Amino acid sequence: MQEKEHVLSILEKLKVSLKDKEYISIKSLSNHFVHHCTIDQDPDIISLAVIIYSLSKLIERNNFHKYRGWDNFYEKYINAFDEMIIFLKKDDINNFRKNVEDIRNLIQGLTGRLKDYINDVFRKAKINKASRIYEHGISMEKTAKILGVTMWELSEYSGNTGISDVNLSITLPINQRIKMAKDIFK
């Protein structure tokens, strides 16, 4: 895993934000992983971005607290992030990766409406993070494949956010380009 120190730094900040339930800070920290994802395309880091973003949405909405099993689920989440930090500090990448997988599987231990609700939040978080990675220049097909969403879902979401409307071929008018070139070569 490249940029281990950067990942560790983000996880340390996340730990504090999780304890204080600062969903805005948590959401921001998930965005820090997006840049990392576009460079390395490490599936574990991509999963972390989705997991962290999902958690920020769960905390923000605040209606999940009433469901049975939530407190236990949240505590396991926090403990899993603590373990990730320990594994990274020890350069134990295999257990770090296993821990990321364990977090993804926490949902499977839930039952009833809480499981359905959290699955829905995770699905939407995958699509959101896919659009952010796509926005950074990774192809739509590759991004959809990495995050396990359909190209249809990604294109529909990206179309609604305006990402696809950015015209990268817009240039200065010819007279302004000539003036700029003359100024440079004076």
C-alpha atoms as a PDB file:
ATOM      1  CA  MET A   1       0.000   0.000   0.000  1.00  0.00           C
ATOM      2  CA  GLN A   2       1.412   3.314  -1.059  1.00  0.00           C
ATOM      3  CA  GLU A   3       1.108   6.468   1.033  1.00  0.00           C
ATOM      4  CA  LYS A   4       0.663   4.549   4.282  1.00  0.00           C
ATOM      5  CA  GLU A   5       1.344   7.655   6.365  1.00  0.00           C
ATOM      6  CA  HIS A   6      -1.393   9.582   4.555  1.00  0.00           C
ATOM      7  CA  VAL A   7      -3.916   6.797   5.177  1.00  0.00           C
ATOM      8  CA  LEU A   8      -2.855   6.611   8.827  1.00  0.00           C
ATOM      9  CA  SER A   9      -3.276  10.348   9.222  1.00  0.00           C
ATOM     10  CA  ILE A  10      -6.794  10.231   7.815  1.00  0.00           C
ATOM     11  CA  LEU A  11      -7.741   7.267  10.013  1.00  0.00           C
ATOM     12  CA  GLU A  12      -6.445   9.043  13.131  1.00  0.00           C
ATOM     13  CA  LYS A  13      -8.576  12.094  12.322  1.00  0.00           C
ATOM     14  CA  LEU A  14     -11.510   9.808  11.564  1.00  0.00           C
ATOM     15  CA  LYS A  15     -11.224   8.177  14.970  1.00  0.00           C
ATOM     16  CA  VAL A  16     -11.703  11.553  16.688  1.00  0.00           C
ATOM     17  CA  SER A  17     -14.572  12.565  14.390  1.00  0.00           C
ATOM     18  CA  LEU A  18     -16.353   9.237  14.936  1.00  0.00           C
ATOM     19  CA  LYS A  19     -16.221   9.586  18.705  1.00  0.00           C
ATOM     20  CA  ASP A  20     -17.677  13.103  18.446  1.00  0.00           C
ATOM     21  CA  LYS A  21     -20.096  12.017  15.676  1.00  0.00           C
ATOM     22  CA  GLU A  22     -19.026  14.956  13.488  1.00  0.00           C
ATOM     23  CA  TYR A  23     -20.574  13.782  10.229  1.00  0.00           C
ATOM     24  CA  ILE A  24     -19.340  16.754   8.179  1.00  0.00           C
ATOM     25  CA  SER A  25     -15.746  16.055   9.151  1.00  0.00           C
ATOM     26  CA  ILE A  26     -16.233  12.330   8.490  1.00  0.00           C
ATOM     27  CA  LYS A  27     -17.641  13.054   5.030  1.00  0.00           C
ATOM     28  CA  SER A  28     -14.694  15.319   4.294  1.00  0.00           C
ATOM     29  CA  LEU A  29     -12.245  12.619   5.355  1.00  0.00           C
ATOM     30  CA  SER A  30     -13.848  10.166   2.930  1.00  0.00           C
ATOM     31  CA  ASN A  31     -13.167  12.671   0.158  1.00  0.00           C
ATOM     32  CA  HIS A  32      -9.458  12.623   1.024  1.00  0.00           C
ATOM     33  CA  PHE A  33      -9.407   8.988  -0.053  1.00  0.00           C
ATOM     34  CA  VAL A  34     -10.899   9.817  -3.457  1.00  0.00           C
ATOM     35  CA  HIS A  35      -7.690  11.482  -4.625  1.00  0.00           C
ATOM     36  CA  HIS A  36      -5.710   8.511  -3.324  1.00  0.00           C
ATOM     37  CA  CYS A  37      -8.121   6.176  -5.163  1.00  0.00           C
ATOM     38  CA  THR A  38      -7.604   7.893  -8.485  1.00  0.00           C
ATOM     39  CA  ILE A  39      -3.842   7.498  -8.256  1.00  0.00           C
ATOM     40  CA  ASP A  40      -3.463   3.940  -6.951  1.00  0.00           C
ATOM     41  CA  GLN A  41      -6.911   2.455  -7.568  1.00  0.00           C
ATOM     42  CA  ASP A  42      -6.366   0.315  -4.474  1.00  0.00           C
ATOM     43  CA  PRO A  43      -9.668  -1.531  -3.882  1.00  0.00           C
ATOM     44  CA  ASP A  44      -9.235  -1.409  -0.097  1.00  0.00           C
ATOM     45  CA  ILE A  45      -8.796   2.354  -0.087  1.00  0.00           C
ATOM     46  CA  ILE A  46     -11.793   2.688  -2.399  1.00  0.00           C
ATOM     47  CA  SER A  47     -13.796   0.521   0.007  1.00  0.00           C
ATOM     48  CA  LEU A  48     -12.643   2.709   2.894  1.00  0.00           C
ATOM     49  CA  ALA A  49     -13.862   5.825   1.102  1.00  0.00           C
ATOM     50  CA  VAL A  50     -17.280   4.220   0.661  1.00  0.00           C
ATOM     51  CA  ILE A  51     -17.391   2.909   4.229  1.00  0.00           C
ATOM     52  CA  ILE A  52     -16.442   6.256   5.729  1.00  0.00           C
ATOM     53  CA  TYR A  53     -18.868   8.190   3.534  1.00  0.00           C
ATOM     54  CA  SER A  54     -21.663   5.744   4.409  1.00  0.00           C
ATOM     55  CA  LEU A  55     -20.948   6.170   8.072  1.00  0.00           C
ATOM     56  CA  SER A  56     -21.135   9.959   7.738  1.00  0.00           C
ATOM     57  CA  LYS A  57     -24.565   9.622   6.111  1.00  0.00           C
ATOM     58  CA  LEU A  58     -25.777   7.278   8.863  1.00  0.00           C
ATOM     59  CA  ILE A  59     -24.671   9.701  11.562  1.00  0.00           C
ATOM     60  CA  GLU A  60     -26.098  12.689   9.687  1.00  0.00           C
ATOM     61  CA  ARG A  61     -29.559  11.189   9.261  1.00  0.00           C
ATOM     62  CA  ASN A  62     -29.768  10.238  12.922  1.00  0.00           C
ATOM     63  CA  ASN A  63     -32.939   8.140  12.549  1.00  0.00           C
ATOM     64  CA  PHE A  64     -31.101   4.813  12.711  1.00  0.00           C
ATOM     65  CA  HIS A  65     -30.447   5.083  16.473  1.00  0.00           C
ATOM     66  CA  LYS A  66     -33.907   3.760  17.210  1.00  0.00           C
ATOM     67  CA  TYR A  67     -33.226   0.421  15.507  1.00  0.00           C
ATOM     68  CA  ARG A  68     -32.251  -2.551  17.597  1.00  0.00           C
ATOM     69  CA  GLY A  69     -28.630  -3.506  16.999  1.00  0.00           C
ATOM     70  CA  TRP A  70     -27.417  -0.023  16.053  1.00  0.00           C
ATOM     71  CA  ASP A  71     -25.278   0.591  19.179  1.00  0.00           C
ATOM     72  CA  ASN A  72     -23.488  -2.732  18.784  1.00  0.00           C
ATOM     73  CA  PHE A  73     -22.975  -2.113  15.052  1.00  0.00           C
ATOM     74  CA  TYR A  74     -21.530   1.369  15.641  1.00  0.00           C
ATOM     75  CA  GLU A  75     -19.211   0.130  18.395  1.00  0.00           C
ATOM     76  CA  LYS A  76     -17.870  -2.607  16.109  1.00  0.00           C
ATOM     77  CA  TYR A  77     -17.265   0.014  13.420  1.00  0.00           C
ATOM     78  CA  ILE A  78     -15.221   2.195  15.746  1.00  0.00           C
ATOM     79  CA  ASN A  79     -13.243  -0.804  17.016  1.00  0.00           C
ATOM     80  CA  ALA A  80     -12.512  -1.893  13.452  1.00  0.00           C
ATOM     81  CA  PHE A  81     -11.034   1.514  12.625  1.00  0.00           C
ATOM     82  CA  ASP A  82      -8.925   1.350  15.803  1.00  0.00           C
ATOM     83  CA  GLU A  83      -7.600  -2.032  14.667  1.00  0.00           C
ATOM     84  CA  MET A  84      -6.845  -0.691  11.193  1.00  0.00           C
ATOM     85  CA  ILE A  85      -4.680   2.013  12.716  1.00  0.00           C
ATOM     86  CA  ILE A  86      -2.810  -0.552  14.810  1.00  0.00           C
ATOM     87  CA  PHE A  87      -2.251  -2.829  11.802  1.00  0.00           C
ATOM     88  CA  LEU A  88      -0.972   0.021   9.639  1.00  0.00           C
ATOM     89  CA  LYS A  89       1.411   1.189  12.354  1.00  0.00           C
ATOM     90  CA  LYS A  90       2.803  -2.362  12.494  1.00  0.00           C
ATOM     91  CA  ASP A  91       3.019  -2.528   8.676  1.00  0.00           C
ATOM     92  CA  ASP A  92       0.631  -5.485   8.814  1.00  0.00           C
ATOM     93  CA  ILE A  93      -1.083  -4.808   5.497  1.00  0.00           C
ATOM     94  CA  ASN A  94      -2.687  -8.267   5.308  1.00  0.00           C
ATOM     95  CA  ASN A  95      -4.601  -7.776   8.564  1.00  0.00           C
ATOM     96  CA  PHE A  96      -5.415  -4.211   7.547  1.00  0.00           C
ATOM     97  CA  ARG A  97      -7.015  -5.518   4.355  1.00  0.00           C
ATOM     98  CA  LYS A  98      -8.814  -8.253   6.299  1.00  0.00           C
ATOM     99  CA  ASN A  99     -10.181  -5.599   8.633  1.00  0.00           C
ATOM    100  CA  VAL A 100     -11.549  -3.582   5.703  1.00  0.00           C
ATOM    101  CA  GLU A 101     -13.311  -6.751   4.511  1.00  0.00           C
ATOM    102  CA  ASP A 102     -14.632  -7.382   8.030  1.00  0.00           C
ATOM    103  CA  ILE A 103     -16.177  -3.901   8.097  1.00  0.00           C
ATOM    104  CA  ARG A 104     -17.914  -4.569   4.800  1.00  0.00           C
ATOM    105  CA  ASN A 105     -19.292  -7.785   6.299  1.00  0.00           C
ATOM    106  CA  LEU A 106     -20.615  -6.143   9.476  1.00  0.00           C
ATOM    107  CA  ILE A 107     -23.863  -5.422   7.667  1.00  0.00           C
ATOM    108  CA  GLN A 108     -24.450  -9.124   7.114  1.00  0.00           C
ATOM    109  CA  GLY A 109     -24.766  -9.619  10.874  1.00  0.00           C
ATOM    110  CA  LEU A 110     -27.656  -7.174  11.101  1.00  0.00           C
ATOM    111  CA  THR A 111     -31.315  -8.026  10.803  1.00  0.00           C
ATOM    112  CA  GLY A 112     -34.568  -6.385   9.831  1.00  0.00           C
ATOM    113  CA  ARG A 113     -35.054  -2.773   8.884  1.00  0.00           C
ATOM    114  CA  LEU A 114     -31.622  -1.662  10.123  1.00  0.00           C
ATOM    115  CA  LYS A 115     -29.924  -4.038   7.681  1.00  0.00           C
ATOM    116  CA  ASP A 116     -32.108  -2.832   4.805  1.00  0.00           C
ATOM    117  CA  TYR A 117     -31.534   0.798   5.699  1.00  0.00           C
ATOM    118  CA  ILE A 118     -27.744   0.458   5.981  1.00  0.00           C
ATOM    119  CA  ASN A 119     -27.544  -1.577   2.756  1.00  0.00           C
ATOM    120  CA  ASP A 120     -29.383   1.232   0.984  1.00  0.00           C
ATOM    121  CA  VAL A 121     -27.016   3.865   2.401  1.00  0.00           C
ATOM    122  CA  PHE A 122     -23.993   1.803   1.306  1.00  0.00           C
ATOM    123  CA  ARG A 123     -25.370   1.342  -2.205  1.00  0.00           C
ATOM    124  CA  LYS A 124     -25.918   5.070  -2.629  1.00  0.00           C
ATOM    125  CA  ALA A 125     -22.486   5.791  -1.134  1.00  0.00           C
ATOM    126  CA  LYS A 126     -20.859   3.518  -3.720  1.00  0.00           C
ATOM    127  CA  ILE A 127     -22.543   5.428  -6.516  1.00  0.00           C
ATOM    128  CA  ASN A 128     -21.574   8.785  -4.986  1.00  0.00           C
ATOM    129  CA  LYS A 129     -17.904   7.813  -4.584  1.00  0.00           C
ATOM    130  CA  ALA A 130     -17.890   6.288  -8.072  1.00  0.00           C
ATOM    131  CA  SER A 131     -19.014   9.628  -9.472  1.00  0.00           C
ATOM    132  CA  ARG A 132     -16.234  11.419  -7.592  1.00  0.00           C
ATOM    133  CA  ILE A 133     -13.615   9.000  -8.912  1.00  0.00           C
ATOM    134  CA  TYR A 134     -15.042   9.355 -12.419  1.00  0.00           C
ATOM    135  CA  GLU A 135     -14.843  13.131 -11.976  1.00  0.00           C
ATOM    136  CA  HIS A 136     -11.103  12.722 -11.357  1.00  0.00           C
ATOM    137  CA  GLY A 137     -10.601  11.177 -14.797  1.00  0.00           C
ATOM    138  CA  ILE A 138     -10.956   7.415 -14.389  1.00  0.00           C
ATOM    139  CA  SER A 139     -13.172   5.984 -17.120  1.00  0.00           C
ATOM    140  CA  MET A 140     -16.821   5.381 -16.320  1.00  0.00           C
ATOM    141  CA  GLU A 141     -16.530   1.687 -17.153  1.00  0.00           C
ATOM    142  CA  LYS A 142     -13.497   1.133 -14.931  1.00  0.00           C
ATOM    143  CA  THR A 143     -14.970   3.171 -12.089  1.00  0.00           C
ATOM    144  CA  ALA A 144     -18.258   1.260 -12.211  1.00  0.00           C
ATOM    145  CA  LYS A 145     -16.398  -2.043 -12.224  1.00  0.00           C
ATOM    146  CA  ILE A 146     -14.120  -1.097  -9.304  1.00  0.00           C
ATOM    147  CA  LEU A 147     -17.048  -0.070  -7.111  1.00  0.00           C
ATOM    148  CA  GLY A 148     -19.494  -2.735  -8.201  1.00  0.00           C
ATOM    149  CA  VAL A 149     -22.133  -0.393  -9.564  1.00  0.00           C
ATOM    150  CA  THR A 150     -23.641  -0.421 -13.024  1.00  0.00           C
ATOM    151  CA  MET A 151     -22.595   2.064 -15.656  1.00  0.00           C
ATOM    152  CA  TRP A 152     -26.256   3.039 -15.865  1.00  0.00           C
ATOM    153  CA  GLU A 153     -26.358   3.994 -12.161  1.00  0.00           C
ATOM    154  CA  LEU A 154     -23.105   5.901 -12.455  1.00  0.00           C
ATOM    155  CA  SER A 155     -24.081   7.756 -15.616  1.00  0.00           C
ATOM    156  CA  GLU A 156     -27.492   8.645 -14.207  1.00  0.00           C
ATOM    157  CA  TYR A 157     -25.974   9.985 -10.971  1.00  0.00           C
ATOM    158  CA  SER A 158     -23.151  11.814 -12.773  1.00  0.00           C
ATOM    159  CA  GLY A 159     -25.666  13.350 -15.176  1.00  0.00           C
ATOM    160  CA  ASN A 160     -27.650  14.738 -12.264  1.00  0.00           C
ATOM    161  CA  THR A 161     -24.579  16.214 -10.576  1.00  0.00           C
ATOM    162  CA  GLY A 162     -23.356  18.074 -13.638  1.00  0.00           C
ATOM    163  CA  ILE A 163     -20.057  16.178 -13.798  1.00  0.00           C
ATOM    164  CA  SER A 164     -20.768  15.140 -17.372  1.00  0.00           C
ATOM    165  CA  ASP A 165     -21.557  18.729 -18.390  1.00  0.00           C
ATOM    166  CA  VAL A 166     -18.005  19.991 -17.944  1.00  0.00           C
ATOM    167  CA  ASN A 167     -16.588  20.927 -21.330  1.00  0.00           C
ATOM    168  CA  LEU A 168     -12.871  20.311 -21.145  1.00  0.00           C
ATOM    169  CA  SER A 169     -12.265  21.582 -24.667  1.00  0.00           C
ATOM    170  CA  ILE A 170     -13.215  25.203 -24.032  1.00  0.00           C
ATOM    171  CA  THR A 171     -10.316  27.490 -24.913  1.00  0.00           C
ATOM    172  CA  LEU A 172      -9.690  31.184 -25.050  1.00  0.00           C
ATOM    173  CA  PRO A 173     -10.823  33.024 -28.175  1.00  0.00           C
ATOM    174  CA  ILE A 174      -8.113  33.208 -30.864  1.00  0.00           C
ATOM    175  CA  ASN A 175      -7.456  36.938 -30.402  1.00  0.00           C
ATOM    176  CA  GLN A 176      -6.823  36.461 -26.675  1.00  0.00           C
ATOM    177  CA  ARG A 177      -4.484  33.498 -27.346  1.00  0.00           C
ATOM    178  CA  ILE A 178      -2.491  35.581 -29.865  1.00  0.00           C
ATOM    179  CA  LYS A 179      -2.248  38.465 -27.392  1.00  0.00           C
ATOM    180  CA  MET A 180      -1.085  36.065 -24.666  1.00  0.00           C
ATOM    181  CA  ALA A 181       1.563  34.566 -26.965  1.00  0.00           C
ATOM    182  CA  LYS A 182       2.824  38.052 -27.923  1.00  0.00           C
ATOM    183  CA  ASP A 183       3.050  39.001 -24.226  1.00  0.00           C
ATOM    184  CA  ILE A 184       5.053  35.867 -23.452  1.00  0.00           C
ATOM    185  CA  PHE A 185       7.559  36.339 -26.285  1.00  0.00           C
ATOM    186  CA  LYS A 186       8.127  40.110 -25.942  1.00  0.00           C
END
